[in-house]
Amino acid sequence: MPASGGAFVYDTVNRTLVSRLIYLGAFQAFPGTRIMPRGRYAAHRLRRPAELAEAFDRAGLSAKDVSAFKPRDVRSLVRATRGRRRGTLADEQLPELVDMVLEPEGSPAVTYLGYAIHRA
């Protein structure tokens, strides 16, 4: 990244069946696993990486280093979510318990992150 330029860093949710089940269902709708308010995420706001790259391009930006962002073990996410919902886990305990990892070559089934820079 050029020293003189800034970057727009993002972390967002992909528009896939799996992401809808997790973010719109488990995290918002299902009582046993709800950990965020209803409406925090909406289906029409989810974006595939290619769609986000197109939006960046229209704004004069170039998407860089898109990586899947996911739990090392999905079972740890389920346990942490249930513990958070029951009130036995605090938000600050979740990162260590879930162990989220970046996969630069992975397909982002649920969440992904990256950055965008101004095109030269």
N, C-alpha and C. Protein backbone atom coordinates (compact mmCIF):
# COMPACT_ATOMS: atom_id res chain seq x y z
N MET A 1 0.85 -1.17 0.00
CA MET A 1 0.00 0.00 0.00
C MET A 1 0.90 1.23 0.00
N PRO A 2 0.63 2.20 -0.84
CA PRO A 2 1.46 3.39 -0.90
C PRO A 2 1.42 4.18 0.41
N ALA A 3 2.56 4.74 0.79
CA ALA A 3 2.64 5.50 2.04
C ALA A 3 1.75 6.73 2.02
N SER A 4 1.54 7.32 0.85
CA SER A 4 0.76 8.56 0.76
C SER A 4 -0.74 8.30 0.68
N GLY A 5 -1.15 7.08 0.41
CA GLY A 5 -2.57 6.80 0.24
C GLY A 5 -3.19 6.15 1.46
N GLY A 6 -4.47 6.35 1.61
CA GLY A 6 -5.20 5.70 2.69
C GLY A 6 -5.87 4.45 2.18
N ALA A 7 -6.43 3.71 3.08
CA ALA A 7 -7.11 2.48 2.71
C ALA A 7 -8.46 2.42 3.42
N PHE A 8 -9.42 1.81 2.76
CA PHE A 8 -10.72 1.54 3.35
C PHE A 8 -10.69 0.07 3.73
N VAL A 9 -10.70 -0.22 5.02
CA VAL A 9 -10.65 -1.59 5.52
C VAL A 9 -12.08 -2.01 5.84
N TYR A 10 -12.44 -3.23 5.47
CA TYR A 10 -13.80 -3.69 5.72
C TYR A 10 -13.84 -5.14 6.18
N ASP A 11 -14.91 -5.47 6.86
CA ASP A 11 -15.24 -6.81 7.33
C ASP A 11 -16.74 -6.90 7.11
N THR A 12 -17.18 -7.82 6.28
CA THR A 12 -18.60 -7.86 5.95
C THR A 12 -19.10 -9.29 5.78
N VAL A 13 -20.38 -9.41 5.56
CA VAL A 13 -21.03 -10.71 5.44
C VAL A 13 -21.38 -10.98 3.99
N ASN A 14 -20.98 -12.15 3.52
CA ASN A 14 -21.27 -12.59 2.16
C ASN A 14 -22.76 -12.90 2.03
N ARG A 15 -23.27 -12.89 0.83
CA ARG A 15 -24.66 -13.26 0.59
C ARG A 15 -24.69 -14.71 0.09
N THR A 16 -24.76 -15.63 1.03
CA THR A 16 -24.85 -17.06 0.72
C THR A 16 -25.94 -17.67 1.59
N LEU A 17 -26.34 -18.86 1.28
CA LEU A 17 -27.33 -19.56 2.11
C LEU A 17 -26.80 -19.74 3.53
N VAL A 18 -25.54 -20.12 3.65
CA VAL A 18 -24.95 -20.36 4.97
C VAL A 18 -24.92 -19.06 5.79
N SER A 19 -24.53 -17.95 5.16
CA SER A 19 -24.48 -16.69 5.91
C SER A 19 -25.87 -16.24 6.34
N ARG A 20 -26.85 -16.47 5.51
CA ARG A 20 -28.23 -16.12 5.90
C ARG A 20 -28.69 -16.95 7.08
N LEU A 21 -28.39 -18.25 7.05
CA LEU A 21 -28.77 -19.11 8.17
C LEU A 21 -28.11 -18.65 9.47
N ILE A 22 -26.85 -18.26 9.39
CA ILE A 22 -26.12 -17.85 10.60
C ILE A 22 -26.53 -16.45 11.04
N TYR A 23 -26.36 -15.45 10.17
CA TYR A 23 -26.58 -14.06 10.58
C TYR A 23 -28.05 -13.68 10.69
N LEU A 24 -28.87 -14.14 9.78
CA LEU A 24 -30.28 -13.74 9.82
C LEU A 24 -31.10 -14.69 10.68
N GLY A 25 -30.65 -15.95 10.77
CA GLY A 25 -31.36 -16.95 11.57
C GLY A 25 -30.79 -17.09 12.96
N ALA A 26 -29.67 -17.78 13.07
CA ALA A 26 -29.10 -18.11 14.38
C ALA A 26 -28.78 -16.88 15.22
N PHE A 27 -28.12 -15.89 14.66
CA PHE A 27 -27.68 -14.74 15.45
C PHE A 27 -28.78 -13.73 15.75
N GLN A 28 -29.89 -13.73 14.98
CA GLN A 28 -30.93 -12.72 15.18
C GLN A 28 -32.32 -13.28 15.48
N ALA A 29 -32.65 -14.45 14.95
CA ALA A 29 -34.04 -14.90 15.04
C ALA A 29 -34.29 -16.04 16.02
N PHE A 30 -33.40 -17.01 16.08
CA PHE A 30 -33.65 -18.18 16.91
C PHE A 30 -33.35 -17.87 18.38
N PRO A 31 -34.35 -18.05 19.24
CA PRO A 31 -34.19 -17.66 20.65
C PRO A 31 -32.97 -18.28 21.35
N GLY A 32 -32.65 -19.52 21.08
CA GLY A 32 -31.53 -20.18 21.77
C GLY A 32 -30.16 -19.69 21.37
N THR A 33 -30.05 -19.04 20.23
CA THR A 33 -28.74 -18.60 19.76
C THR A 33 -28.69 -17.11 19.40
N ARG A 34 -29.78 -16.40 19.65
CA ARG A 34 -29.82 -14.98 19.30
C ARG A 34 -28.84 -14.21 20.18
N ILE A 35 -27.90 -13.50 19.53
CA ILE A 35 -26.92 -12.71 20.27
C ILE A 35 -26.87 -11.26 19.78
N MET A 36 -27.70 -10.93 18.82
CA MET A 36 -27.75 -9.55 18.34
C MET A 36 -29.20 -9.17 18.05
N PRO A 37 -29.48 -7.88 18.06
CA PRO A 37 -30.87 -7.45 17.83
C PRO A 37 -31.35 -7.79 16.42
N ARG A 38 -32.63 -8.09 16.34
CA ARG A 38 -33.25 -8.31 15.02
C ARG A 38 -33.03 -7.07 14.17
N GLY A 39 -32.74 -7.29 12.89
CA GLY A 39 -32.56 -6.18 11.98
C GLY A 39 -31.14 -5.66 11.89
N ARG A 40 -30.22 -6.14 12.74
CA ARG A 40 -28.82 -5.69 12.64
C ARG A 40 -28.30 -5.99 11.25
N TYR A 41 -28.60 -7.19 10.75
CA TYR A 41 -28.26 -7.56 9.38
C TYR A 41 -29.55 -7.85 8.65
N ALA A 42 -29.62 -7.47 7.39
CA ALA A 42 -30.78 -7.72 6.55
C ALA A 42 -30.29 -8.33 5.24
N ALA A 43 -31.07 -9.22 4.68
CA ALA A 43 -30.67 -9.94 3.46
C ALA A 43 -30.27 -8.99 2.34
N HIS A 44 -30.99 -7.90 2.18
CA HIS A 44 -30.70 -6.99 1.06
C HIS A 44 -29.38 -6.23 1.24
N ARG A 45 -28.79 -6.28 2.43
CA ARG A 45 -27.52 -5.57 2.67
C ARG A 45 -26.30 -6.48 2.55
N LEU A 46 -26.50 -7.79 2.41
CA LEU A 46 -25.38 -8.71 2.29
C LEU A 46 -24.81 -8.60 0.87
N ARG A 47 -23.49 -8.69 0.74
CA ARG A 47 -22.83 -8.52 -0.55
C ARG A 47 -21.81 -9.61 -0.82
N ARG A 48 -21.83 -10.11 -2.04
CA ARG A 48 -20.79 -11.04 -2.48
C ARG A 48 -19.52 -10.23 -2.74
N PRO A 49 -18.36 -10.86 -2.59
CA PRO A 49 -17.11 -10.13 -2.82
C PRO A 49 -17.04 -9.44 -4.19
N ALA A 50 -17.53 -10.09 -5.23
CA ALA A 50 -17.48 -9.49 -6.57
C ALA A 50 -18.36 -8.24 -6.64
N GLU A 51 -19.51 -8.26 -5.98
CA GLU A 51 -20.38 -7.09 -5.97
C GLU A 51 -19.73 -5.92 -5.23
N LEU A 52 -19.07 -6.22 -4.12
CA LEU A 52 -18.39 -5.17 -3.37
C LEU A 52 -17.23 -4.61 -4.19
N ALA A 53 -16.50 -5.48 -4.89
CA ALA A 53 -15.40 -5.01 -5.75
C ALA A 53 -15.92 -4.09 -6.84
N GLU A 54 -17.09 -4.41 -7.42
CA GLU A 54 -17.69 -3.55 -8.45
C GLU A 54 -18.06 -2.19 -7.87
N ALA A 55 -18.61 -2.18 -6.66
CA ALA A 55 -18.97 -0.91 -6.02
C ALA A 55 -17.72 -0.08 -5.74
N PHE A 56 -16.67 -0.73 -5.28
CA PHE A 56 -15.40 -0.02 -5.07
C PHE A 56 -14.89 0.56 -6.38
N ASP A 57 -14.96 -0.23 -7.43
CA ASP A 57 -14.48 0.22 -8.74
C ASP A 57 -15.23 1.48 -9.19
N ARG A 58 -16.55 1.49 -9.02
CA ARG A 58 -17.35 2.66 -9.38
C ARG A 58 -16.95 3.89 -8.57
N ALA A 59 -16.42 3.67 -7.37
CA ALA A 59 -16.00 4.77 -6.50
C ALA A 59 -14.53 5.13 -6.67
N GLY A 60 -13.87 4.50 -7.65
CA GLY A 60 -12.47 4.80 -7.90
C GLY A 60 -11.50 4.07 -6.99
N LEU A 61 -11.97 2.99 -6.39
CA LEU A 61 -11.15 2.20 -5.49
C LEU A 61 -10.86 0.82 -6.09
N SER A 62 -9.83 0.19 -5.58
CA SER A 62 -9.47 -1.15 -6.02
C SER A 62 -9.43 -2.07 -4.81
N ALA A 63 -10.21 -3.16 -4.84
CA ALA A 63 -10.26 -4.12 -3.73
C ALA A 63 -8.97 -4.92 -3.68
N LYS A 64 -8.47 -5.14 -2.48
CA LYS A 64 -7.22 -5.88 -2.28
C LYS A 64 -7.38 -6.91 -1.16
N ASP A 65 -6.65 -8.00 -1.29
CA ASP A 65 -6.49 -8.99 -0.22
C ASP A 65 -7.79 -9.43 0.43
N VAL A 66 -8.76 -9.86 -0.36
CA VAL A 66 -10.01 -10.38 0.18
C VAL A 66 -9.72 -11.76 0.77
N SER A 67 -10.10 -11.93 2.03
CA SER A 67 -9.85 -13.19 2.74
C SER A 67 -11.10 -13.67 3.45
N ALA A 68 -11.32 -14.98 3.41
CA ALA A 68 -12.38 -15.57 4.22
C ALA A 68 -12.00 -15.38 5.68
N PHE A 69 -12.98 -15.11 6.52
CA PHE A 69 -12.77 -14.92 7.95
C PHE A 69 -13.73 -15.86 8.64
N LYS A 70 -13.18 -16.88 9.30
CA LYS A 70 -14.07 -17.92 9.83
C LYS A 70 -13.48 -18.56 11.08
N PRO A 71 -14.33 -19.26 11.84
CA PRO A 71 -13.81 -19.95 13.01
C PRO A 71 -12.97 -21.16 12.57
N ARG A 72 -11.92 -21.41 13.31
CA ARG A 72 -11.09 -22.59 13.01
C ARG A 72 -11.93 -23.86 13.10
N ASP A 73 -12.84 -23.88 14.06
CA ASP A 73 -13.72 -25.04 14.28
C ASP A 73 -15.14 -24.49 14.50
N VAL A 74 -16.07 -24.85 13.64
CA VAL A 74 -17.44 -24.33 13.73
C VAL A 74 -18.08 -24.68 15.07
N ARG A 75 -17.72 -25.81 15.63
CA ARG A 75 -18.31 -26.20 16.93
C ARG A 75 -17.97 -25.18 18.01
N SER A 76 -16.78 -24.58 17.94
CA SER A 76 -16.41 -23.57 18.94
C SER A 76 -17.31 -22.33 18.82
N LEU A 77 -17.67 -21.98 17.60
CA LEU A 77 -18.58 -20.85 17.39
C LEU A 77 -19.96 -21.17 17.98
N VAL A 78 -20.45 -22.37 17.76
CA VAL A 78 -21.75 -22.77 18.29
C VAL A 78 -21.72 -22.74 19.82
N ARG A 79 -20.67 -23.31 20.43
CA ARG A 79 -20.57 -23.31 21.89
C ARG A 79 -20.49 -21.88 22.44
N ALA A 80 -19.69 -21.04 21.80
CA ALA A 80 -19.54 -19.65 22.26
C ALA A 80 -20.85 -18.89 22.11
N THR A 81 -21.55 -19.09 21.01
CA THR A 81 -22.82 -18.41 20.79
C THR A 81 -23.84 -18.82 21.85
N ARG A 82 -23.90 -20.10 22.12
CA ARG A 82 -24.85 -20.58 23.14
C ARG A 82 -24.48 -20.06 24.53
N GLY A 83 -23.18 -20.05 24.83
CA GLY A 83 -22.73 -19.52 26.12
C GLY A 83 -23.02 -18.04 26.25
N ARG A 84 -22.83 -17.30 25.17
CA ARG A 84 -23.13 -15.86 25.17
C ARG A 84 -24.62 -15.64 25.40
N ARG A 85 -25.43 -16.44 24.74
CA ARG A 85 -26.89 -16.31 24.87
C ARG A 85 -27.35 -16.64 26.30
N ARG A 86 -26.74 -17.65 26.91
CA ARG A 86 -27.11 -18.04 28.28
C ARG A 86 -26.58 -17.04 29.32
N GLY A 87 -25.63 -16.21 28.91
CA GLY A 87 -25.07 -15.25 29.84
C GLY A 87 -23.87 -15.79 30.61
N THR A 88 -23.37 -16.96 30.23
CA THR A 88 -22.21 -17.54 30.91
C THR A 88 -20.89 -17.08 30.30
N LEU A 89 -20.95 -16.42 29.16
CA LEU A 89 -19.76 -15.89 28.51
C LEU A 89 -19.97 -14.41 28.20
N ALA A 90 -18.92 -13.64 28.38
CA ALA A 90 -18.96 -12.21 28.06
C ALA A 90 -18.36 -12.00 26.67
N ASP A 91 -18.70 -10.89 26.05
CA ASP A 91 -18.20 -10.59 24.70
C ASP A 91 -16.67 -10.67 24.62
N GLU A 92 -15.99 -10.18 25.63
CA GLU A 92 -14.53 -10.18 25.57
C GLU A 92 -13.92 -11.58 25.63
N GLN A 93 -14.68 -12.59 26.04
CA GLN A 93 -14.19 -13.96 26.06
C GLN A 93 -14.31 -14.66 24.70
N LEU A 94 -15.16 -14.15 23.85
CA LEU A 94 -15.48 -14.84 22.60
C LEU A 94 -14.30 -15.00 21.63
N PRO A 95 -13.49 -13.96 21.39
CA PRO A 95 -12.41 -14.13 20.40
C PRO A 95 -11.48 -15.31 20.69
N GLU A 96 -11.09 -15.47 21.94
CA GLU A 96 -10.19 -16.57 22.28
C GLU A 96 -10.89 -17.93 22.14
N LEU A 97 -12.15 -17.99 22.51
CA LEU A 97 -12.88 -19.26 22.45
C LEU A 97 -13.20 -19.68 21.02
N VAL A 98 -13.49 -18.72 20.16
CA VAL A 98 -13.89 -19.05 18.80
C VAL A 98 -12.68 -19.25 17.89
N ASP A 99 -11.60 -18.52 18.11
CA ASP A 99 -10.37 -18.65 17.32
C ASP A 99 -10.66 -18.45 15.83
N MET A 100 -10.98 -17.22 15.48
CA MET A 100 -11.24 -16.87 14.09
C MET A 100 -9.92 -16.83 13.31
N VAL A 101 -9.95 -17.29 12.07
CA VAL A 101 -8.75 -17.33 11.24
C VAL A 101 -9.04 -16.69 9.88
N LEU A 102 -7.99 -16.18 9.27
CA LEU A 102 -8.07 -15.64 7.91
C LEU A 102 -7.62 -16.72 6.94
N GLU A 103 -8.33 -16.83 5.83
CA GLU A 103 -7.95 -17.75 4.76
C GLU A 103 -7.87 -16.95 3.46
N PRO A 104 -6.70 -16.41 3.14
CA PRO A 104 -6.56 -15.61 1.92
C PRO A 104 -6.95 -16.36 0.64
N GLU A 105 -6.75 -17.63 0.62
CA GLU A 105 -7.10 -18.42 -0.57
C GLU A 105 -8.46 -19.10 -0.43
N GLY A 106 -9.12 -18.91 0.70
CA GLY A 106 -10.38 -19.59 0.95
C GLY A 106 -11.57 -18.90 0.31
N SER A 107 -12.62 -19.66 0.17
CA SER A 107 -13.88 -19.12 -0.35
C SER A 107 -14.69 -18.62 0.84
N PRO A 108 -15.02 -17.33 0.87
CA PRO A 108 -15.73 -16.79 2.03
C PRO A 108 -17.21 -17.16 2.05
N ALA A 109 -17.53 -18.26 2.70
CA ALA A 109 -18.91 -18.73 2.76
C ALA A 109 -19.78 -17.85 3.64
N VAL A 110 -19.18 -17.21 4.65
CA VAL A 110 -19.98 -16.39 5.56
C VAL A 110 -19.43 -14.97 5.64
N THR A 111 -18.29 -14.77 6.25
CA THR A 111 -17.74 -13.43 6.38
C THR A 111 -16.41 -13.33 5.66
N TYR A 112 -16.07 -12.13 5.29
CA TYR A 112 -14.79 -11.89 4.63
C TYR A 112 -14.34 -10.48 4.93
N LEU A 113 -13.07 -10.25 4.74
CA LEU A 113 -12.54 -8.92 4.95
C LEU A 113 -11.44 -8.62 3.93
N GLY A 114 -11.10 -7.38 3.86
CA GLY A 114 -10.08 -6.93 2.93
C GLY A 114 -9.93 -5.43 3.04
N TYR A 115 -9.34 -4.85 2.04
CA TYR A 115 -9.22 -3.40 2.02
C TYR A 115 -9.27 -2.92 0.57
N ALA A 116 -9.52 -1.65 0.42
CA ALA A 116 -9.57 -1.04 -0.91
C ALA A 116 -8.73 0.23 -0.86
N ILE A 117 -8.05 0.49 -1.98
CA ILE A 117 -7.22 1.70 -2.08
C ILE A 117 -7.63 2.47 -3.32
N HIS A 118 -7.29 3.75 -3.33
CA HIS A 118 -7.54 4.58 -4.52
C HIS A 118 -6.68 4.05 -5.67
N ARG A 119 -7.28 3.98 -6.85
CA ARG A 119 -6.52 3.57 -8.02
C ARG A 119 -5.57 4.68 -8.42
N ALA A 120 -4.41 4.28 -8.87
CA ALA A 120 -3.41 5.28 -9.28
C ALA A 120 -3.74 5.84 -10.65
